[in-house]
Protein backbone atom coordinates (compact mmCIF):
# COMPACT_ATOMS: atom_id res chain seq x y z
CA MET A 1 0.00 0.00 0.00
CA SER A 2 1.29 3.36 -1.02
CA ARG A 3 1.72 6.33 1.35
CA GLY A 4 -1.25 8.11 -0.21
CA GLN A 5 -3.53 5.19 0.35
CA ARG A 6 -2.46 4.97 4.03
CA ALA A 7 -3.15 8.65 4.52
CA ALA A 8 -6.59 8.37 2.96
CA GLY A 9 -7.40 5.35 5.15
CA ALA A 10 -6.32 7.20 8.30
CA ALA A 11 -8.47 10.20 7.41
CA ALA A 12 -11.48 7.95 6.87
CA LEU A 13 -10.92 6.28 10.25
CA ILE A 14 -10.71 9.61 12.01
CA THR A 15 -13.95 10.66 10.38
CA VAL A 16 -15.74 7.49 11.52
CA LEU A 17 -14.44 7.83 15.02
CA GLY A 18 -15.58 11.45 15.16
CA LEU A 19 -19.06 10.57 14.02
CA THR A 20 -19.27 7.77 16.58
CA GLY A 21 -18.21 10.08 19.46
CA TRP A 22 -20.76 12.69 18.44
CA GLY A 23 -23.52 10.03 18.46
CA VAL A 24 -22.56 8.86 21.91
CA ALA A 25 -22.52 12.42 23.25
CA ALA A 26 -25.86 13.21 21.64
CA GLY A 27 -27.42 10.11 23.20
CA SER A 28 -26.27 11.09 26.67
CA LEU A 29 -27.93 14.51 26.31
CA ALA A 30 -31.38 13.19 25.26
CA PRO A 31 -34.05 13.42 28.11
CA GLU A 32 -35.17 10.19 29.69
CA PRO A 33 -38.90 9.37 29.54
CA THR A 34 -40.69 10.14 32.85
CA THR A 35 -42.71 7.60 34.77
CA ARG A 36 -45.95 9.53 34.08
CA SER A 37 -45.33 9.34 30.32
CA ALA A 38 -44.65 5.66 30.60
CA GLN A 39 -47.87 5.12 32.53
CA ILE A 40 -49.92 7.03 30.00
CA GLU A 41 -48.36 5.59 26.91
CA GLY A 42 -47.97 2.01 28.08
CA PRO A 43 -50.81 -0.47 28.66
CA SER A 44 -52.42 -0.25 32.08
CA SER A 45 -53.25 -3.44 33.88
CA ALA A 46 -55.61 -3.67 36.80
CA PRO A 47 -54.13 -4.90 40.09
CA SER A 48 -54.72 -8.48 41.06
CA GLY A 49 -58.14 -8.99 42.63
CA ALA A 50 -59.65 -5.64 41.41
CA SER A 51 -62.01 -6.80 38.68
CA GLY A 52 -64.00 -3.56 38.32
CA SER A 53 -61.07 -1.16 37.86
CA ALA A 54 -60.68 0.52 34.51
CA PRO A 55 -57.35 1.48 33.01
CA ALA A 56 -56.42 5.10 33.15
CA GLU A 57 -57.17 6.99 30.00
CA PRO A 58 -54.46 9.03 28.41
CA GLY A 59 -54.72 12.68 29.42
CA SER A 60 -56.83 11.95 32.54
CA GLU A 61 -56.12 13.82 35.77
CA ALA A 62 -54.67 10.88 37.62
CA ASP A 63 -52.85 11.63 40.85
CA PRO A 64 -49.11 11.83 40.32
CA PRO A 65 -47.00 9.22 42.09
CA ALA A 66 -45.72 10.04 45.55
CA PRO A 67 -42.24 11.54 45.56
CA ASN A 68 -39.33 9.29 46.43
CA GLY A 69 -38.32 11.50 49.37
CA PRO A 70 -39.81 11.42 52.92
CA ALA A 71 -43.44 12.46 53.25
CA SER A 72 -43.83 16.09 54.16
CA THR A 73 -45.46 16.89 57.53
CA PRO A 74 -48.22 19.54 57.46
CA THR A 75 -47.28 22.59 59.48
CA SER A 76 -50.83 23.89 59.96
CA SER A 77 -52.38 23.07 63.36
CA GLY A 78 -55.91 23.93 62.26
CA PRO A 79 -58.60 21.36 61.46
CA THR A 80 -58.47 19.57 58.13
CA SER A 81 -61.26 18.45 55.89
CA SER A 82 -61.25 15.01 57.56
CA ASP A 83 -61.52 16.41 61.12
CA PRO A 84 -65.02 16.72 62.67
CA GLU A 85 -66.40 20.20 62.69
CA VAL A 86 -65.94 21.89 66.10
CA PRO A 87 -68.83 24.21 67.03
CA ALA A 88 -67.79 27.73 67.89
CA THR A 89 -68.28 28.80 71.51
CA GLU A 90 -69.71 32.24 72.00
CA VAL A 91 -68.14 34.20 74.87
CA PRO A 92 -70.68 36.53 76.56
CA ALA A 93 -69.72 40.14 76.48
CA ALA A 94 -68.91 41.88 79.77
CA PRO A 95 -71.77 44.07 81.04
CA ASP A 96 -71.51 47.77 80.62
CA PRO A 97 -70.63 49.47 83.95
CA GLY A 98 -73.39 51.95 83.28
CA SER A 99 -76.07 49.31 82.66
CA ASP A 100 -78.61 47.91 85.09
CA ALA A 101 -76.39 44.86 85.70
CA PHE A 102 -74.35 46.93 88.15
CA ALA A 103 -77.34 48.58 89.80
CA PRO A 104 -77.79 47.75 93.52
CA PRO A 105 -80.71 45.46 94.38
CA THR A 106 -83.97 47.12 95.25
CA ALA A 107 -84.64 47.16 98.96
CA THR A 108 -87.54 44.95 99.93
CA GLY A 109 -88.02 46.26 103.45
CA LYS A 110 -87.93 49.54 105.29
CA ILE A 111 -85.00 50.27 107.56
CA ILE A 112 -86.03 52.07 110.70
CA ASP A 113 -83.19 54.20 112.03
CA GLU A 114 -85.29 56.30 114.41
CA PRO A 115 -85.77 55.56 118.13
CA PRO A 116 -89.17 54.17 119.14
CA PRO A 117 -91.73 56.73 120.32
CA VAL A 118 -91.97 57.50 124.04
CA ALA A 119 -95.40 57.52 125.61
CA THR A 120 -96.60 60.37 127.80
CA PRO A 121 -94.61 60.15 131.06
CA GLN A 122 -96.30 58.83 134.19
CA THR A 123 -95.37 59.61 137.78
CA PHE A 124 -93.55 56.92 139.72
CA ASP A 125 -96.68 55.94 141.65
CA GLU A 126 -98.80 55.33 138.52
CA PRO A 127 -98.82 52.19 136.35
CA ALA A 128 -98.49 52.41 132.55
CA ASP A 129 -100.15 50.15 130.00
CA VAL A 130 -97.47 48.80 127.66
CA ALA A 131 -99.76 46.44 125.71
CA GLU A 132 -103.33 45.20 125.88
CA GLY A 133 -103.64 43.53 129.28
CA VAL A 134 -99.98 44.19 130.20
CA ALA A 135 -99.01 46.98 132.66
CA ALA A 136 -95.73 48.16 134.18
CA ARG A 137 -94.94 50.29 137.23
CA VAL A 138 -92.02 51.38 139.40
CA ALA A 139 -92.72 49.54 142.65
CA ALA A 140 -89.74 50.84 144.69
CA MET A 141 -86.63 53.10 144.55
CA LYS A 142 -83.63 53.02 146.88
CA ALA A 143 -80.38 55.03 147.15
CA VAL A 144 -77.40 52.64 147.20
CA ASP A 145 -73.67 52.53 146.70
CA GLY A 146 -73.30 51.18 143.22
CA GLU A 147 -71.08 48.15 142.70
CA ALA A 148 -69.09 47.84 139.48
CA ARG A 149 -68.73 44.20 138.45
CA GLY A 150 -69.00 44.32 134.68
CA ILE A 151 -66.76 45.74 131.93
CA GLY A 152 -66.93 49.54 131.75
CA GLU A 153 -68.78 49.95 135.04
CA VAL A 154 -67.65 52.47 137.67
CA ASP A 155 -68.46 52.44 141.38
CA GLY A 156 -70.42 55.41 142.68
CA PRO A 157 -73.70 56.75 144.07
CA ALA A 158 -76.59 54.90 142.49
CA VAL A 159 -80.31 54.28 142.69
CA GLN A 160 -81.91 50.85 142.72
CA PHE A 161 -85.25 50.59 140.86
CA THR A 162 -87.74 47.72 141.25
CA LEU A 163 -90.14 47.39 138.30
CA GLU A 164 -93.20 45.15 138.29
CA ILE A 165 -94.96 43.73 135.21
CA THR A 166 -98.56 42.50 135.52
CA ASN A 167 -100.17 40.19 132.95
CA SER A 168 -103.97 40.47 132.99
CA THR A 169 -104.50 38.35 129.86
CA THR A 170 -105.36 34.68 129.60
CA GLU A 171 -102.09 33.80 127.86
CA SER A 172 -98.46 33.93 128.85
CA VAL A 173 -96.51 37.00 127.68
CA SER A 174 -92.80 37.14 126.92
CA LEU A 175 -90.32 39.60 128.46
CA ALA A 176 -87.44 38.49 126.21
CA GLU A 177 -87.31 41.93 124.54
CA ALA A 178 -87.89 44.01 127.69
CA VAL A 179 -85.27 46.72 128.28
CA VAL A 180 -84.91 49.30 131.11
CA ASN A 181 -82.98 52.57 130.72
CA VAL A 182 -82.64 55.68 132.91
CA GLU A 183 -82.03 59.34 132.07
CA ALA A 184 -80.93 61.80 134.77
CA GLY A 185 -80.71 65.58 135.11
CA THR A 186 -82.38 68.34 133.16
CA ASP A 187 -80.34 67.42 130.08
CA ARG A 188 -81.53 63.79 130.34
CA SER A 189 -78.04 62.28 130.32
CA PRO A 190 -78.04 58.46 130.02
CA ALA A 191 -77.24 56.86 133.37
CA GLY A 192 -74.76 53.99 133.49
CA GLN A 193 -76.16 50.64 134.54
CA LEU A 194 -74.34 48.71 137.29
CA SER A 195 -74.28 45.05 138.29
CA GLY A 196 -75.18 45.62 141.96
CA PRO A 197 -76.16 45.61 144.59
CA GLY A 198 -79.19 43.36 144.25
CA ALA A 199 -79.63 43.61 140.46
CA THR A 200 -82.06 40.98 139.08
CA ALA A 201 -83.31 40.54 135.52
CA PHE A 202 -86.92 39.97 134.54
CA PRO A 203 -88.02 36.35 134.09
CA ALA A 204 -88.49 35.20 130.51
CA ASP A 205 -92.32 34.98 130.74
CA VAL A 206 -95.26 36.22 132.79
CA ALA A 207 -97.99 33.69 133.33
CA PRO A 208 -101.65 34.70 132.92
CA GLY A 209 -102.86 36.74 135.91
CA GLN A 210 -99.37 36.95 137.43
CA THR A 211 -97.04 39.82 138.42
CA VAL A 212 -93.25 39.56 138.16
CA SER A 213 -90.48 42.00 139.03
CA GLY A 214 -86.90 42.94 138.15
CA VAL A 215 -84.32 45.04 140.01
CA PHE A 216 -82.07 47.47 138.09
CA VAL A 217 -79.26 49.68 139.44
CA PHE A 218 -78.15 52.90 137.72
CA GLN A 219 -75.39 55.32 138.69
CA ILE A 220 -76.96 58.75 139.36
CA PRO A 221 -75.05 61.59 141.04
CA PRO A 222 -77.01 63.31 143.88
CA GLU A 223 -77.19 66.61 141.98
CA GLN A 224 -79.10 64.94 139.12
CA ARG A 225 -81.75 63.16 141.20
CA THR A 226 -84.39 65.89 141.14
CA ALA A 227 -85.31 65.02 137.56
CA VAL A 228 -85.04 61.35 136.65
CA ARG A 229 -86.81 59.42 133.89
CA VAL A 230 -87.14 55.65 133.88
CA LEU A 231 -87.85 54.13 130.43
CA PHE A 232 -89.36 50.66 130.04
CA HIS A 233 -89.33 49.21 126.51
CA TYR A 234 -91.60 46.17 126.50
CA GLN A 235 -91.32 45.13 122.83
CA ALA A 236 -89.74 46.55 119.69
CA VAL A 237 -93.17 47.23 118.17
CA SER A 238 -94.61 48.98 121.21
CA PRO A 239 -94.06 52.56 122.49
CA VAL A 240 -91.69 53.11 125.38
CA ALA A 241 -93.35 53.60 128.77
CA ALA A 242 -91.88 56.51 130.76
CA PHE A 243 -91.92 57.27 134.48
CA GLU A 244 -90.40 60.49 135.82
CA GLY A 245 -89.93 62.55 138.97
CA PRO A 246 -87.42 62.92 141.80
CA VAL A 247 -85.60 59.93 143.28
CA PRO A 248 -84.34 59.57 146.88
CA LEU A 249 -80.98 60.99 147.93
CA GLN A 250 -80.85 58.61 150.84
CA GLY A 251 -82.82 55.60 151.93
CA GLU A 252 -85.75 54.10 150.09
CA ALA A 253 -88.90 55.50 148.52
CA PRO A 254 -92.07 53.47 147.92
């Protein structure tokens, strides 16, 4: 073989090798068919045991296959379409401070803040009717040296009063609410009550046709004994019986 023939053969070989390399490179750059295209273009076979399934038609909106990576976790904490519907809870609105919700309740009773009325004063030797069939009177008065035995009491000149209650009714009457007070002097200053000597409370009841008594000691300075008022409050609903006049400076008065 001549030199020219060898050169021509080498050139032809180079040309063939070049064309072959270009074909290989071009094949590596061609896109690979996707799985979706293969599913659409290829025959679809129903899974084993599913006799009523139809093959997917080309161009249908079939769900794409799940990605090969890990399943994504939803970040929303709200309810999904599969969760049961939760009814909304209505929160009541706060009442307006100026509305009736803050208004004080209406009083149902009448508050009496006035002292009970005092009946026309009687002299010490006269009885006073404190209720129907019930009478009170000052049976005796005696000047004594007051004895302080209770809290707040102070020894000093005092007067001992004996009060009698007569029940002329046919039923027993209660003295549970009975109260005795004394005012002394022209300015009617309240006299302090003492525990002795000889102080005795009323009994709880007065039997029909009976008379009971109680002994009460009040501190009264001698200069205030010319004008003394003894107040007997039988019940809260009844007027206060009053007895007034001078009290003894010494000894005992009937």
